[in-house]
């Protein structure tokens, strides 16, 4: 959950306290907010934390100590936004000079037909190599500091996702074409991170069908296409697939099995599900001002017991309620707090 409370990319003591509170509240594994990898094209917001540079890494070492002292584990989420701009709350892009200078597989921002198809030159192979190196450098830093693994943000329309999605990837080299070829960029990142960090350092990849600017977007239409996407990722050495949905209870491919369930079935890899856990409204509805309400977790428990996924991620509910996990463990659902958009304005 992007917080934007790290001026000049430096996470301060209040950021460490924010994460430690969630660990003390019973969270077992914290995946941090997105953090910029060490390459200029990654970033579109100066208050999002860097995962490079002495000051930023000192700040992350402080975060790490606090989380570990509370008995939890922590992965930094490594992030490159690619050729994307912030949508307004209805999903409409504002064209900007900053977006024009960002890196993308084909120089295209896809979805909803709002922008011209071609707004910049495609990334060169040299530029792609530099991005892969930047991901690996950040992962090396995480391992050196003592983090418990890393997550690569490959969802929601950001750079890795732009390579996966046919609307934004029209390349004709090894990184374009069918879904397996479009997955090669993610696979190359995973492979290089694995080479530099060894076999015992967990690598998670977050994926999604939907994009922040196009809720109806789909990178795969069938289980066969999903299997073709997953094969190169598994071969490259990914350990966990983190499957983001707006609503975790919605099934894929006409079934009652959600994205995490299909990924686990097809790949055998551990999966994480996420999307409006314990809330009735999805993320964009609540950010648009629709009053939030808590919801039961019976469906979630049914899917866990069926073996559809291995872990559950919680976003907005934990922003408002640092003790969410402890309340769930006690079965005190009546004590859960609904998401409050005011939580976005502070680090409580």
Protein backbone atom coordinates (compact mmCIF):
# COMPACT_ATOMS: atom_id res chain seq x y z
CA UNK A 1 0.00 0.00 0.00
CA UNK A 2 1.78 3.12 -1.26
CA UNK A 3 2.04 5.62 1.59
CA UNK A 4 4.18 8.50 0.23
CA UNK A 5 5.59 9.37 3.67
CA UNK A 6 9.27 9.09 2.77
CA UNK A 7 10.44 12.58 1.70
CA UNK A 8 13.16 12.42 -0.96
CA UNK A 9 12.77 8.63 -0.89
CA UNK A 10 14.11 8.23 2.67
CA UNK A 11 11.99 6.15 5.11
CA UNK A 12 12.26 7.75 8.54
CA UNK A 13 11.60 6.52 12.09
CA UNK A 14 7.82 6.99 11.70
CA UNK A 15 7.84 4.57 8.76
CA UNK A 16 9.64 2.00 10.90
CA UNK A 17 7.09 2.46 13.68
CA UNK A 18 4.23 2.07 11.19
CA UNK A 19 5.48 -1.34 10.03
CA UNK A 20 6.41 -2.47 13.55
CA UNK A 21 2.85 -1.76 14.74
CA UNK A 22 1.47 -4.18 12.14
CA UNK A 23 4.01 -6.82 13.15
CA UNK A 24 3.03 -6.36 16.81
CA UNK A 25 -0.60 -6.72 15.74
CA UNK A 26 0.07 -10.26 14.54
CA UNK A 27 0.96 -9.98 10.85
CA UNK A 28 3.27 -12.88 9.97
CA UNK A 29 4.80 -11.54 6.75
CA UNK A 30 4.87 -7.89 5.77
CA UNK A 31 5.25 -6.98 2.11
CA UNK A 32 6.23 -3.33 2.14
CA UNK A 33 4.81 -0.57 0.03
CA UNK A 34 6.38 -0.38 -3.41
CA UNK A 35 9.99 0.83 -3.32
CA UNK A 36 11.93 2.31 -6.23
CA UNK A 37 14.67 0.20 -7.75
CA UNK A 38 17.96 2.02 -8.53
CA UNK A 39 17.22 3.40 -11.99
CA UNK A 40 15.83 6.84 -12.80
CA UNK A 41 12.99 5.60 -15.01
CA UNK A 42 11.44 3.61 -12.14
CA UNK A 43 9.92 6.52 -10.24
CA UNK A 44 7.01 8.92 -10.66
CA UNK A 45 6.69 10.08 -7.02
CA UNK A 46 9.47 11.57 -4.88
CA UNK A 47 7.86 10.64 -1.54
CA UNK A 48 7.76 6.91 -2.28
CA UNK A 49 10.78 5.25 -0.61
CA UNK A 50 13.88 4.28 -2.56
CA UNK A 51 15.48 0.90 -2.11
CA UNK A 52 18.94 2.18 -2.87
CA UNK A 53 21.36 4.79 -1.51
CA UNK A 54 22.94 4.92 1.92
CA UNK A 55 20.26 7.03 3.64
CA UNK A 56 17.32 5.04 2.31
CA UNK A 57 18.90 1.67 3.09
CA UNK A 58 19.74 2.88 6.61
CA UNK A 59 16.06 3.72 6.99
CA UNK A 60 15.06 0.27 5.74
CA UNK A 61 17.49 -1.37 8.17
CA UNK A 62 15.58 0.43 10.95
CA UNK A 63 12.28 -0.89 9.57
CA UNK A 64 13.74 -4.39 9.43
CA UNK A 65 14.90 -4.31 13.06
CA UNK A 66 11.48 -3.20 14.28
CA UNK A 67 9.58 -5.86 12.33
CA UNK A 68 11.96 -8.65 13.35
CA UNK A 69 11.86 -7.56 16.98
CA UNK A 70 8.08 -8.12 16.90
CA UNK A 71 8.54 -11.63 15.50
CA UNK A 72 7.38 -11.03 11.92
CA UNK A 73 9.10 -11.44 8.54
CA UNK A 74 9.37 -8.79 5.85
CA UNK A 75 9.90 -8.52 2.06
CA UNK A 76 10.50 -5.20 0.29
CA UNK A 77 8.31 -4.81 -2.77
CA UNK A 78 10.55 -3.75 -5.67
CA UNK A 79 8.84 -1.42 -8.13
CA UNK A 80 9.24 0.18 -11.54
CA UNK A 81 6.12 2.00 -12.75
CA UNK A 82 7.09 1.88 -16.42
CA UNK A 83 5.09 3.97 -18.86
CA UNK A 84 2.24 4.95 -16.62
CA UNK A 85 0.74 8.01 -15.00
CA UNK A 86 -1.50 8.31 -12.01
CA UNK A 87 -5.17 7.92 -13.00
CA UNK A 88 -7.80 10.04 -11.37
CA UNK A 89 -10.26 8.21 -9.18
CA UNK A 90 -12.43 7.22 -12.17
CA UNK A 91 -9.49 5.64 -13.94
CA UNK A 92 -8.84 8.42 -16.47
CA UNK A 93 -5.25 9.31 -17.31
CA UNK A 94 -3.85 12.79 -17.42
CA UNK A 95 -1.17 12.98 -20.11
CA UNK A 96 2.04 14.45 -18.71
CA UNK A 97 5.58 15.22 -19.76
CA UNK A 98 6.77 12.93 -16.97
CA UNK A 99 4.86 10.02 -18.46
CA UNK A 100 6.28 10.80 -21.91
CA UNK A 101 9.79 10.24 -20.53
CA UNK A 102 9.09 6.92 -18.83
CA UNK A 103 10.14 3.50 -20.05
CA UNK A 104 7.78 0.94 -21.56
CA UNK A 105 8.00 -2.18 -23.72
CA UNK A 106 6.49 -0.55 -26.81
CA UNK A 107 6.03 3.10 -25.88
CA UNK A 108 2.30 2.46 -25.54
CA UNK A 109 -0.12 3.15 -22.72
CA UNK A 110 -3.01 0.75 -23.24
CA UNK A 111 -6.54 0.60 -21.95
CA UNK A 112 -9.80 2.42 -22.45
CA UNK A 113 -8.65 4.15 -25.67
CA UNK A 114 -7.86 7.38 -23.82
CA UNK A 115 -4.37 8.07 -25.14
CA UNK A 116 -2.74 7.75 -28.56
CA UNK A 117 -1.39 4.25 -29.10
CA UNK A 118 2.25 5.36 -29.47
CA UNK A 119 3.58 8.07 -27.17
CA UNK A 120 7.29 7.15 -26.92
CA UNK A 121 9.90 4.85 -28.39
CA UNK A 122 9.99 1.21 -27.27
CA UNK A 123 12.57 0.30 -24.63
CA UNK A 124 15.85 -0.81 -26.20
CA UNK A 125 17.50 -4.08 -25.26
CA UNK A 126 20.21 -2.07 -23.50
CA UNK A 127 17.58 -0.24 -21.44
CA UNK A 128 15.89 -3.53 -20.58
CA UNK A 129 19.21 -4.98 -19.41
CA UNK A 130 19.73 -1.97 -17.14
CA UNK A 131 16.30 -2.41 -15.58
CA UNK A 132 16.95 -6.11 -14.95
CA UNK A 133 20.24 -5.18 -13.30
CA UNK A 134 18.49 -2.57 -11.13
CA UNK A 135 16.00 -5.14 -9.83
CA UNK A 136 18.85 -7.51 -9.02
CA UNK A 137 20.87 -4.79 -7.28
CA UNK A 138 17.89 -3.95 -5.07
CA UNK A 139 17.40 -7.63 -4.23
CA UNK A 140 21.07 -7.93 -3.32
CA UNK A 141 20.67 -4.96 -0.98
CA UNK A 142 17.64 -6.58 0.62
CA UNK A 143 19.52 -9.81 1.23
CA UNK A 144 22.55 -7.96 2.60
CA UNK A 145 20.39 -6.01 5.07
CA UNK A 146 18.74 -9.21 6.31
CA UNK A 147 15.31 -9.05 4.67
CA UNK A 148 13.53 -12.38 4.43
CA UNK A 149 12.92 -12.24 0.66
CA UNK A 150 11.71 -9.82 -2.00
CA UNK A 151 8.55 -9.22 -3.98
CA UNK A 152 8.61 -7.98 -7.58
CA UNK A 153 5.60 -5.78 -8.38
CA UNK A 154 4.33 -7.16 -11.68
CA UNK A 155 0.67 -6.13 -11.37
CA UNK A 156 -1.78 -3.25 -11.90
CA UNK A 157 -0.33 -1.90 -15.15
CA UNK A 158 3.25 -1.21 -14.01
CA UNK A 159 6.36 -2.09 -16.01
CA UNK A 160 6.50 -5.88 -15.63
CA UNK A 161 2.74 -6.00 -16.25
CA UNK A 162 3.17 -3.84 -19.36
CA UNK A 163 5.39 -6.54 -20.81
CA UNK A 164 2.82 -9.22 -19.92
CA UNK A 165 -0.19 -7.39 -21.43
CA UNK A 166 -0.72 -7.59 -25.19
CA UNK A 167 -2.23 -4.08 -25.26
CA UNK A 168 1.07 -2.52 -24.15
CA UNK A 169 3.56 -5.06 -25.52
CA UNK A 170 3.74 -5.18 -29.31
CA UNK A 171 7.39 -6.11 -29.55
CA UNK A 172 8.65 -8.59 -32.14
CA UNK A 173 11.88 -9.61 -30.36
CA UNK A 174 12.25 -12.24 -27.61
CA UNK A 175 10.22 -10.08 -25.22
CA UNK A 176 7.10 -9.91 -27.42
CA UNK A 177 4.62 -12.11 -29.21
CA UNK A 178 2.69 -14.87 -27.40
CA UNK A 179 2.12 -14.87 -23.66
CA UNK A 180 5.16 -17.05 -22.95
CA UNK A 181 7.38 -14.58 -24.81
CA UNK A 182 5.78 -11.61 -23.09
CA UNK A 183 6.66 -13.30 -19.77
CA UNK A 184 10.36 -13.41 -20.61
CA UNK A 185 11.07 -9.97 -19.14
CA UNK A 186 9.68 -11.04 -15.76
CA UNK A 187 11.49 -14.38 -16.08
CA UNK A 188 14.80 -12.66 -16.83
CA UNK A 189 14.41 -10.46 -13.74
CA UNK A 190 13.61 -13.48 -11.58
CA UNK A 191 16.51 -15.44 -13.06
CA UNK A 192 19.02 -12.64 -12.39
CA UNK A 193 17.73 -12.03 -8.85
CA UNK A 194 17.99 -15.77 -8.21
CA UNK A 195 21.53 -15.90 -9.64
CA UNK A 196 22.72 -13.12 -7.33
CA UNK A 197 20.88 -14.11 -4.15
CA UNK A 198 21.08 -17.91 -4.27
CA UNK A 199 18.53 -20.67 -3.97
CA UNK A 200 17.39 -19.97 -0.40
CA UNK A 201 16.24 -16.36 -0.79
CA UNK A 202 12.48 -16.25 -1.49
CA UNK A 203 11.24 -14.37 -4.57
CA UNK A 204 7.57 -13.42 -4.85
CA UNK A 205 5.97 -11.99 -8.00
CA UNK A 206 2.75 -10.00 -7.80
CA UNK A 207 0.44 -10.27 -10.81
CA UNK A 208 -3.07 -9.15 -11.71
CA UNK A 209 -5.50 -9.20 -14.58
CA UNK A 210 -6.90 -5.70 -13.87
CA UNK A 211 -5.05 -2.42 -14.25
CA UNK A 212 -5.51 0.78 -12.28
CA UNK A 213 -6.72 2.48 -15.46
CA UNK A 214 -8.60 -0.46 -16.98
CA UNK A 215 -10.55 -2.73 -14.64
CA UNK A 216 -11.66 -5.00 -17.49
CA UNK A 217 -8.11 -5.70 -18.72
CA UNK A 218 -6.97 -9.30 -18.93
CA UNK A 219 -3.51 -10.67 -19.62
CA UNK A 220 -4.89 -14.19 -20.07
CA UNK A 221 -8.31 -15.46 -21.20
CA UNK A 222 -8.01 -19.19 -20.57
CA UNK A 223 -6.31 -21.63 -18.18
CA UNK A 224 -4.08 -22.68 -21.07
CA UNK A 225 -2.83 -19.12 -21.51
CA UNK A 226 -2.26 -18.81 -17.76
CA UNK A 227 -0.24 -22.03 -17.79
CA UNK A 228 1.88 -20.65 -20.65
CA UNK A 229 2.53 -17.49 -18.60
CA UNK A 230 3.49 -19.39 -15.47
CA UNK A 231 5.88 -21.90 -17.03
CA UNK A 232 8.78 -19.49 -17.76
CA UNK A 233 8.33 -17.84 -14.36
CA UNK A 234 8.56 -21.16 -12.55
CA UNK A 235 11.52 -22.24 -14.69
CA UNK A 236 13.31 -18.99 -13.78
CA UNK A 237 13.00 -19.75 -10.07
CA UNK A 238 10.07 -17.76 -8.66
CA UNK A 239 8.90 -19.09 -5.28
CA UNK A 240 5.53 -17.40 -4.72
CA UNK A 241 2.88 -15.85 -6.96
CA UNK A 242 0.92 -13.04 -5.29
CA UNK A 243 -2.41 -12.74 -7.14
CA UNK A 244 -4.13 -9.38 -6.86
CA UNK A 245 -7.85 -9.09 -7.49
CA UNK A 246 -10.23 -6.25 -6.74
CA UNK A 247 -12.46 -8.84 -5.02
CA UNK A 248 -10.81 -12.09 -3.92
CA UNK A 249 -14.10 -14.04 -4.06
CA UNK A 250 -14.57 -13.62 -7.82
CA UNK A 251 -13.68 -16.69 -9.88
CA UNK A 252 -11.69 -16.87 -13.09
CA UNK A 253 -12.53 -18.60 -16.38
CA UNK A 254 -16.18 -19.15 -15.46
CA UNK A 255 -15.35 -21.09 -12.31
CA UNK A 256 -15.55 -20.47 -8.55
CA UNK A 257 -11.74 -20.66 -8.29
CA UNK A 258 -10.05 -17.27 -8.04
CA UNK A 259 -6.79 -16.24 -9.72
CA UNK A 260 -4.63 -17.51 -6.85
CA UNK A 261 -6.46 -20.81 -6.96
CA UNK A 262 -5.89 -21.24 -10.68
CA UNK A 263 -2.21 -20.29 -10.40
CA UNK A 264 -1.66 -22.84 -7.64
CA UNK A 265 -3.53 -25.55 -9.53
CA UNK A 266 -1.64 -24.99 -12.79
CA UNK A 267 1.85 -24.34 -11.41
CA UNK A 268 2.02 -26.08 -8.04
CA UNK A 269 3.60 -22.92 -6.63
CA UNK A 270 2.52 -21.38 -3.32
CA UNK A 271 0.13 -18.47 -3.88
CA UNK A 272 -1.10 -15.41 -2.02
CA UNK A 273 -4.62 -14.07 -2.56
CA UNK A 274 -5.59 -10.45 -1.96
CA UNK A 275 -8.54 -8.19 -2.70
CA UNK A 276 -11.08 -6.57 -0.35
CA UNK A 277 -10.45 -9.05 2.46
CA UNK A 278 -12.95 -8.39 5.30
CA UNK A 279 -14.41 -5.41 3.40
CA UNK A 280 -17.52 -5.09 1.24
CA UNK A 281 -16.08 -2.44 -1.09
CA UNK A 282 -13.16 -2.89 -3.46
CA UNK A 283 -10.22 -0.55 -3.33
CA UNK A 284 -11.29 1.89 -6.03
CA UNK A 285 -14.84 2.19 -4.67
CA UNK A 286 -13.60 3.05 -1.21
CA UNK A 287 -11.06 5.54 -2.53
CA UNK A 288 -13.89 7.17 -4.49
CA UNK A 289 -15.60 7.86 -1.17
CA UNK A 290 -18.10 5.02 -0.90
CA UNK A 291 -18.58 4.31 2.83
CA UNK A 292 -16.68 1.19 3.85
CA UNK A 293 -18.22 -1.68 5.74
CA UNK A 294 -16.66 -4.75 7.24
CA UNK A 295 -17.59 -8.19 5.92
CA UNK A 296 -17.37 -11.73 7.24
CA UNK A 297 -14.56 -14.02 6.11
CA UNK A 298 -16.52 -17.23 5.69
CA UNK A 299 -15.87 -17.45 1.95
CA UNK A 300 -12.18 -16.79 2.53
CA UNK A 301 -11.99 -19.63 5.06
CA UNK A 302 -13.83 -21.96 2.70
CA UNK A 303 -11.27 -21.31 -0.06
CA UNK A 304 -8.32 -21.74 2.30
CA UNK A 305 -9.71 -25.05 3.55
CA UNK A 306 -10.23 -26.18 -0.04
CA UNK A 307 -6.53 -25.53 -0.64
CA UNK A 308 -6.94 -22.81 -3.24
CA UNK A 309 -4.11 -20.66 -1.85
CA UNK A 310 -1.53 -20.64 0.92
CA UNK A 311 -1.52 -17.08 2.25
CA UNK A 312 -3.84 -14.10 2.44
CA UNK A 313 -2.69 -10.50 2.04
CA UNK A 314 -4.57 -7.63 3.63
CA UNK A 315 -4.19 -4.02 2.51
CA UNK A 316 -6.74 -1.32 3.35
CA UNK A 317 -8.10 -3.06 6.45
CA UNK A 318 -4.60 -3.05 7.97
CA UNK A 319 -4.10 0.64 7.18
CA UNK A 320 -6.97 1.52 9.49
CA UNK A 321 -6.65 -1.34 11.97
CA UNK A 322 -3.08 -2.42 12.88
CA UNK A 323 -4.55 -5.13 15.14
CA UNK A 324 -6.66 -6.71 12.37
CA UNK A 325 -4.76 -10.02 12.52
CA UNK A 326 -4.99 -10.34 16.29
CA UNK A 327 -8.76 -9.74 16.14
CA UNK A 328 -9.17 -12.36 13.41
CA UNK A 329 -7.25 -14.89 15.51
CA UNK A 330 -9.57 -14.24 18.44
CA UNK A 331 -12.63 -14.53 16.21
CA UNK A 332 -13.59 -10.99 17.19
CA UNK A 333 -14.93 -9.92 13.80
CA UNK A 334 -17.30 -7.48 15.49
CA UNK A 335 -14.23 -5.49 16.60
CA UNK A 336 -12.84 -5.04 13.07
CA UNK A 337 -12.70 -1.45 11.91
CA UNK A 338 -13.96 -0.55 8.43
CA UNK A 339 -11.45 1.13 6.15
CA UNK A 340 -11.34 4.89 6.71
CA UNK A 341 -9.86 7.00 3.87
CA UNK A 342 -8.43 9.27 6.57
CA UNK A 343 -5.91 6.48 7.17
CA UNK A 344 -4.26 7.51 3.90
CA UNK A 345 -3.31 10.88 5.39
CA UNK A 346 -1.34 9.56 8.37
CA UNK A 347 1.04 6.78 9.39
CA UNK A 348 -0.99 5.42 12.30
